[in-house]
Protein backbone atom coordinates (compact mmCIF):
# COMPACT_ATOMS: atom_id res chain seq x y z
CA UNK A 1 11.64 73.93 -1.10
CA UNK A 2 14.48 72.24 0.72
CA UNK A 3 12.06 70.62 3.15
CA UNK A 4 9.96 69.35 0.25
CA UNK A 5 13.02 67.80 -1.38
CA UNK A 6 14.00 66.07 1.85
CA UNK A 7 10.46 64.76 2.26
CA UNK A 8 10.47 63.44 -1.28
CA UNK A 9 13.78 61.66 -0.76
CA UNK A 10 12.52 60.11 2.46
CA UNK A 11 9.34 59.00 0.71
CA UNK A 12 11.35 57.37 -2.07
CA UNK A 13 13.60 55.68 0.44
CA UNK A 14 10.58 54.41 2.35
CA UNK A 15 8.99 53.12 -0.85
CA UNK A 16 12.24 51.40 -1.82
CA UNK A 17 12.53 49.89 1.62
CA UNK A 18 8.94 48.64 1.42
CA UNK A 19 9.55 47.06 -1.98
CA UNK A 20 12.74 45.45 -0.71
CA UNK A 21 10.96 44.22 2.40
CA UNK A 22 8.10 42.82 0.31
CA UNK A 23 10.55 41.00 -1.97
CA UNK A 24 12.48 39.71 1.04
CA UNK A 25 9.21 38.47 2.52
CA UNK A 26 8.32 36.70 -0.75
CA UNK A 27 11.68 34.94 -0.84
CA UNK A 28 12.45 34.27 2.82
CA UNK A 29 8.97 34.32 4.35
CA UNK A 30 6.54 31.38 4.25
CA UNK A 31 6.38 30.42 0.60
CA UNK A 32 4.13 27.36 0.67
CA UNK A 33 0.37 27.74 0.59
CA UNK A 34 -0.70 25.17 3.19
CA UNK A 35 -0.75 26.23 6.82
CA UNK A 36 -0.03 22.99 8.71
CA UNK A 37 1.45 19.55 8.30
CA UNK A 38 3.62 18.61 5.35
CA UNK A 39 3.35 17.53 1.74
CA UNK A 40 5.41 15.16 -0.35
CA UNK A 41 6.84 16.11 -3.72
CA UNK A 42 8.05 13.41 -6.12
CA UNK A 43 10.46 14.54 -8.80
CA UNK A 44 11.03 11.79 -11.38
CA UNK A 45 14.29 11.06 -13.17
CA UNK A 46 14.82 13.44 -16.09
CA UNK A 47 12.34 16.11 -14.92
CA UNK A 48 13.07 19.69 -15.99
CA UNK A 49 12.11 22.98 -14.34
CA UNK A 50 8.77 23.16 -16.17
CA UNK A 51 7.79 19.68 -14.97
CA UNK A 52 8.98 20.54 -11.49
CA UNK A 53 6.82 23.66 -11.48
CA UNK A 54 3.80 21.66 -12.63
CA UNK A 55 4.35 19.16 -9.82
CA UNK A 56 4.69 21.90 -7.21
CA UNK A 57 1.42 23.49 -8.33
CA UNK A 58 -0.43 20.17 -8.64
CA UNK A 59 0.62 19.23 -5.09
CA UNK A 60 -0.59 22.58 -3.76
CA UNK A 61 2.87 23.47 -2.51
CA UNK A 62 3.47 26.65 -4.53
CA UNK A 63 0.94 28.99 -6.15
CA UNK A 64 3.16 32.04 -6.62
CA UNK A 65 4.92 30.75 -9.73
CA UNK A 66 6.46 34.14 -10.52
CA UNK A 67 8.38 34.39 -7.24
CA UNK A 68 9.43 30.75 -7.35
CA UNK A 69 10.82 31.16 -10.86
CA UNK A 70 12.58 34.39 -9.82
CA UNK A 71 14.38 32.58 -7.00
CA UNK A 72 14.98 29.47 -9.13
CA UNK A 73 16.56 31.56 -11.90
CA UNK A 74 19.01 33.25 -9.58
CA UNK A 75 19.99 29.95 -8.00
CA UNK A 76 20.26 28.20 -11.38
CA UNK A 77 17.76 25.51 -10.38
CA UNK A 78 17.02 24.73 -14.04
CA UNK A 79 20.51 23.25 -14.36
CA UNK A 80 20.26 21.36 -11.08
CA UNK A 81 16.82 19.72 -10.90
CA UNK A 82 17.46 16.56 -8.90
CA UNK A 83 15.08 13.58 -8.83
CA UNK A 84 13.82 12.43 -5.46
CA UNK A 85 11.18 12.40 -2.80
CA UNK A 86 11.05 15.68 -0.92
CA UNK A 87 9.03 16.37 2.23
CA UNK A 88 7.94 20.01 2.31
CA UNK A 89 6.78 21.31 5.71
CA UNK A 90 4.24 24.09 6.11
CA UNK A 91 5.82 27.52 6.35
CA UNK A 92 8.89 26.70 4.28
CA UNK A 93 10.23 29.70 2.39
CA UNK A 94 10.77 29.88 -1.37
CA UNK A 95 14.48 30.22 -0.75
CA UNK A 96 14.64 27.14 1.49
CA UNK A 97 12.50 25.14 -0.94
CA UNK A 98 14.71 25.97 -3.91
CA UNK A 99 17.83 25.19 -1.87
CA UNK A 100 16.40 21.81 -0.89
CA UNK A 101 15.45 20.91 -4.44
CA UNK A 102 18.72 21.99 -6.03
CA UNK A 103 20.78 20.16 -3.39
CA UNK A 104 19.03 16.84 -4.00
CA UNK A 105 18.60 16.37 -0.24
CA UNK A 106 15.65 14.02 -0.59
CA UNK A 107 13.86 12.46 2.37
CA UNK A 108 13.91 8.67 2.85
CA UNK A 109 10.85 6.47 2.72
CA UNK A 110 9.99 3.60 5.07
CA UNK A 111 9.52 0.36 3.11
CA UNK A 112 7.43 -2.24 4.91
CA UNK A 113 6.23 -5.63 3.73
CA UNK A 114 4.68 -8.68 5.42
CA UNK A 115 2.36 -11.51 4.41
CA UNK A 116 4.07 -11.89 1.03
CA UNK A 117 3.29 -15.14 -0.78
CA UNK A 118 5.42 -14.88 -3.93
CA UNK A 119 7.90 -12.74 -5.83
CA UNK A 120 5.35 -10.95 -8.09
CA UNK A 121 3.45 -9.87 -4.97
CA UNK A 122 6.73 -8.75 -3.37
CA UNK A 123 7.67 -6.72 -6.46
CA UNK A 124 4.29 -5.02 -6.43
CA UNK A 125 4.62 -4.12 -2.77
CA UNK A 126 8.15 -2.73 -3.12
CA UNK A 127 7.17 -0.65 -6.15
CA UNK A 128 4.68 1.27 -4.01
CA UNK A 129 7.58 2.93 -2.22
CA UNK A 130 10.10 3.68 -4.99
CA UNK A 131 10.26 5.27 -8.42
CA UNK A 132 10.83 2.01 -10.32
CA UNK A 133 7.67 0.16 -11.33
CA UNK A 134 6.78 -3.38 -10.30
CA UNK A 135 7.88 -4.88 -13.63
CA UNK A 136 11.38 -3.42 -13.24
CA UNK A 137 11.60 -4.75 -9.68
CA UNK A 138 10.29 -8.16 -10.75
CA UNK A 139 12.80 -8.43 -13.57
CA UNK A 140 15.67 -7.54 -11.24
CA UNK A 141 14.66 -10.17 -8.69
CA UNK A 142 13.99 -12.89 -11.27
CA UNK A 143 17.21 -12.22 -13.20
CA UNK A 144 19.18 -15.50 -12.88
CA UNK A 145 22.29 -13.46 -12.16
CA UNK A 146 20.68 -12.03 -9.02
CA UNK A 147 20.25 -15.45 -7.40
CA UNK A 148 23.77 -16.49 -8.38
CA UNK A 149 25.24 -13.29 -6.97
CA UNK A 150 23.90 -14.09 -3.51
CA UNK A 151 24.48 -17.84 -3.59
CA UNK A 152 20.79 -18.66 -3.99
CA UNK A 153 18.58 -20.27 -6.64
CA UNK A 154 15.50 -19.13 -8.51
CA UNK A 155 13.45 -21.10 -5.98
CA UNK A 156 15.18 -19.71 -2.87
CA UNK A 157 15.81 -16.08 -3.87
CA UNK A 158 12.64 -15.02 -2.06
CA UNK A 159 14.29 -15.90 1.26
CA UNK A 160 16.68 -12.98 0.73
CA UNK A 161 13.88 -10.54 1.59
CA UNK A 162 13.23 -10.56 5.32
CA UNK A 163 9.90 -8.94 6.24
CA UNK A 164 10.67 -5.79 8.19
CA UNK A 165 10.76 -2.01 7.80
CA UNK A 166 13.61 -0.56 5.79
CA UNK A 167 14.63 3.05 5.14
CA UNK A 168 15.54 3.72 1.50
CA UNK A 169 15.42 6.57 -0.99
CA UNK A 170 12.59 6.79 -3.52
CA UNK A 171 15.10 6.93 -6.39
CA UNK A 172 16.90 3.71 -5.40
CA UNK A 173 17.43 1.39 -8.37
CA UNK A 174 16.05 -2.17 -8.13
CA UNK A 175 19.53 -3.74 -8.12
CA UNK A 176 20.68 -1.45 -5.31
CA UNK A 177 17.48 -2.14 -3.38
CA UNK A 178 18.07 -5.90 -3.62
CA UNK A 179 21.63 -5.38 -2.43
CA UNK A 180 20.28 -3.49 0.56
CA UNK A 181 18.07 -6.46 1.47
CA UNK A 182 21.06 -8.78 0.98
CA UNK A 183 23.02 -6.79 3.57
CA UNK A 184 20.14 -7.06 6.04
CA UNK A 185 19.90 -10.80 5.30
CA UNK A 186 23.60 -11.25 6.04
CA UNK A 187 23.27 -9.26 9.26
CA UNK A 188 20.26 -11.36 10.32
CA UNK A 189 22.15 -14.60 9.77
CA UNK A 190 24.62 -13.97 12.55
CA UNK A 191 26.93 -16.54 14.11
CA UNK A 192 24.28 -17.78 16.56
CA UNK A 193 21.69 -18.43 13.87
CA UNK A 194 24.24 -20.07 11.58
CA UNK A 195 25.31 -22.36 14.44
CA UNK A 196 21.68 -23.24 15.20
CA UNK A 197 21.05 -24.11 11.54
CA UNK A 198 24.18 -26.26 11.44
CA UNK A 199 23.07 -28.11 14.56
CA UNK A 200 19.83 -28.99 12.76
CA UNK A 201 21.73 -30.09 9.67
CA UNK A 202 20.01 -27.44 7.56
CA UNK A 203 21.28 -24.67 5.29
CA UNK A 204 19.99 -21.10 5.61
CA UNK A 205 17.71 -21.61 2.61
CA UNK A 206 16.39 -24.88 4.05
CA UNK A 207 15.61 -23.16 7.33
CA UNK A 208 13.72 -20.45 5.44
CA UNK A 209 11.86 -23.09 3.42
CA UNK A 210 10.74 -24.94 6.54
CA UNK A 211 9.90 -21.63 8.23
CA UNK A 212 7.64 -20.73 5.31
CA UNK A 213 5.74 -23.98 5.81
CA UNK A 214 5.40 -23.38 9.56
CA UNK A 215 4.20 -19.83 8.89
CA UNK A 216 1.59 -21.12 6.44
CA UNK A 217 0.40 -23.65 8.99
CA UNK A 218 -0.24 -21.25 11.85
CA UNK A 219 -0.62 -17.62 12.72
CA UNK A 220 -0.05 -18.47 16.37
CA UNK A 221 3.54 -17.73 17.33
CA UNK A 222 3.23 -19.93 20.43
CA UNK A 223 2.45 -22.99 18.28
CA UNK A 224 5.24 -22.37 15.76
CA UNK A 225 8.15 -24.02 17.70
CA UNK A 226 6.03 -27.15 18.29
CA UNK A 227 4.95 -27.38 14.63
CA UNK A 228 8.60 -26.90 13.64
CA UNK A 229 9.52 -29.81 15.90
CA UNK A 230 6.95 -32.06 14.18
CA UNK A 231 8.42 -31.38 10.76
CA UNK A 232 11.99 -31.75 12.00
CA UNK A 233 11.06 -35.09 13.57
CA UNK A 234 9.64 -36.23 10.24
CA UNK A 235 12.73 -35.11 8.36
CA UNK A 236 14.92 -36.96 10.83
CA UNK A 237 13.19 -40.31 10.25
CA UNK A 238 12.69 -39.85 6.51
CA UNK A 239 8.92 -39.47 6.78
CA UNK A 240 7.23 -37.27 4.13
CA UNK A 241 6.33 -33.85 5.50
CA UNK A 242 2.77 -34.17 4.18
CA UNK A 243 2.30 -30.43 4.58
CA UNK A 244 -0.98 -29.18 3.15
CA UNK A 245 0.38 -25.64 2.50
CA UNK A 246 2.98 -27.04 0.08
CA UNK A 247 0.18 -28.87 -1.73
CA UNK A 248 -1.82 -25.68 -2.03
CA UNK A 249 1.29 -23.96 -3.36
CA UNK A 250 1.75 -26.72 -5.95
CA UNK A 251 -1.90 -26.39 -6.98
CA UNK A 252 -1.67 -22.60 -7.13
CA UNK A 253 -4.67 -22.33 -4.81
CA UNK A 254 -4.68 -20.04 -1.79
CA UNK A 255 -8.30 -20.35 -0.80
CA UNK A 256 -8.48 -24.09 -0.06
CA UNK A 257 -9.82 -24.82 3.42
CA UNK A 258 -9.68 -28.57 2.93
CA UNK A 259 -7.28 -30.73 0.96
CA UNK A 260 -8.90 -33.68 -0.81
CA UNK A 261 -7.30 -37.02 -1.60
CA UNK A 262 -7.27 -36.15 -5.31
CA UNK A 263 -5.24 -33.01 -4.58
CA UNK A 264 -2.46 -35.17 -3.15
CA UNK A 265 -1.73 -36.65 -6.57
CA UNK A 266 -0.52 -33.40 -8.15
CA UNK A 267 2.82 -33.84 -9.92
CA UNK A 268 5.09 -31.24 -8.35
CA UNK A 269 8.34 -31.14 -6.35
CA UNK A 270 6.31 -29.07 -3.86
CA UNK A 271 4.00 -32.04 -3.24
CA UNK A 272 5.32 -33.17 0.12
CA UNK A 273 2.91 -36.11 0.17
CA UNK A 274 4.70 -37.80 -2.74
CA UNK A 275 8.22 -36.35 -2.21
CA UNK A 276 10.26 -36.77 0.93
CA UNK A 277 12.42 -34.00 2.33
CA UNK A 278 11.95 -30.28 1.91
CA UNK A 279 10.52 -28.70 -1.25
CA UNK A 280 12.89 -26.73 -3.55
CA UNK A 281 12.29 -23.40 -1.83
CA UNK A 282 10.03 -21.30 0.42
CA UNK A 283 6.31 -21.23 -0.36
CA UNK A 284 6.02 -17.70 1.01
CA UNK A 285 8.22 -15.05 2.55
CA UNK A 286 8.77 -16.22 6.15
CA UNK A 287 8.95 -13.67 8.92
CA UNK A 288 11.98 -13.69 11.24
CA UNK A 289 9.93 -15.06 14.15
CA UNK A 290 9.09 -18.20 12.18
CA UNK A 291 12.71 -18.62 11.11
CA UNK A 292 13.68 -18.44 14.77
CA UNK A 293 10.95 -20.96 15.62
CA UNK A 294 12.65 -23.44 13.28
CA UNK A 295 16.10 -22.63 14.63
CA UNK A 296 14.86 -23.09 18.20
CA UNK A 297 12.12 -25.73 17.98
CA UNK A 298 10.29 -27.25 20.91
CA UNK A 299 11.65 -30.53 22.17
CA UNK A 300 9.03 -33.18 21.38
CA UNK A 301 8.43 -36.61 19.91
CA UNK A 302 5.25 -35.53 18.11
CA UNK A 303 4.86 -36.62 14.50
CA UNK A 304 1.40 -35.21 13.81
CA UNK A 305 -0.64 -32.09 14.35
CA UNK A 306 -4.04 -30.89 13.29
CA UNK A 307 -6.01 -27.68 13.65
CA UNK A 308 -8.19 -27.63 16.74
CA UNK A 309 -11.88 -28.30 16.29
CA UNK A 310 -12.73 -24.93 17.89
CA UNK A 311 -11.20 -23.26 14.80
CA UNK A 312 -9.19 -21.01 17.10
CA UNK A 313 -6.10 -21.30 14.93
CA UNK A 314 -4.25 -23.38 17.50
CA UNK A 315 -3.28 -27.02 16.92
CA UNK A 316 -3.65 -30.40 18.58
CA UNK A 317 -0.51 -32.56 18.56
CA UNK A 318 -0.19 -36.34 18.53
CA UNK A 319 2.55 -38.94 18.78
CA UNK A 320 0.63 -41.70 17.00
CA UNK A 321 -1.34 -41.86 13.78
CA UNK A 322 -4.34 -43.26 15.67
CA UNK A 323 -4.52 -40.26 17.99
CA UNK A 324 -3.98 -37.94 15.05
CA UNK A 325 -6.97 -39.45 13.24
CA UNK A 326 -9.14 -38.80 16.29
CA UNK A 327 -8.04 -35.14 16.24
CA UNK A 328 -8.49 -34.93 12.47
CA UNK A 329 -12.05 -36.31 12.61
CA UNK A 330 -12.97 -33.70 15.21
CA UNK A 331 -11.64 -30.95 12.98
CA UNK A 332 -13.38 -32.33 9.87
CA UNK A 333 -16.67 -32.54 11.75
CA UNK A 334 -16.26 -28.92 12.82
CA UNK A 335 -15.77 -27.91 9.17
CA UNK A 336 -18.79 -29.96 8.09
CA UNK A 337 -20.91 -28.32 10.75
CA UNK A 338 -20.00 -24.93 9.36
CA UNK A 339 -20.60 -25.98 5.75
CA UNK A 340 -16.93 -25.75 4.75
CA UNK A 341 -16.32 -28.42 2.18
CA UNK A 342 -13.52 -26.98 0.03
């Protein structure tokens, strides 16, 4: 009888140990259902535990809702649901997942943007990376107070956003995001660049405006300093820039391959055929390499350039209008041959 009692006690202890081990395994063992890689969980502002649970299930991160809720209840997650972007690696335990979510230790996102033509396009691109929608971002950028705060205008505010890759949090507010870009802008415009701009007699915004024109003229970085020199030479002698990209901007047309004489009559401060000097602001978001091309232009006495007739994207340069017309006719003939009339 005594032996039977001992055996029964041992059996109960073993059963209890198994239950405890199973519960420990549920809590501290791998609690996510996917076996490799990682998944991203987005928890919006104001989400509660029920919404969080729905998101976890929808993302395929957690299927054992009972265990998750058991851990969440004991760690009071319901009172500490924090918004954010959370990267969940395969094999993460329920305990570690709950700890991560209740701590608000979200993972940053890499924001990248290039080839931006205007502020609405910029707002749409930025909104892909953060919780705020594109309308909220657009309103923040276009708020007159934003331009004033950074010493810019409604026409030059776009120059504040230097194309690059930035690390931010998904929950960042539009105003804070803009401030982040402003800090990068200030860091970019170091003493050397400010001195180079001063030597050219241009402000930072004017450099960005000219850089946007150069960028629109060529995708060839090797041509950019020479094209910059052409425009700087024209500015120096008071000659109109006569930049086709500014005309396309004024017309609101991106797809023009050829500018016609009638296009040059458009009434706009961005029409650099009828207005001398630089237009009011950038016509796109210039990349740093084109800003540096303006700050460090080639030394030349060229006043004209035209796309090469081989349509390679490179340019032919000329000192005189007569030589320029020869180059221009070659290019026009190349377009005609390919049936490009507009």
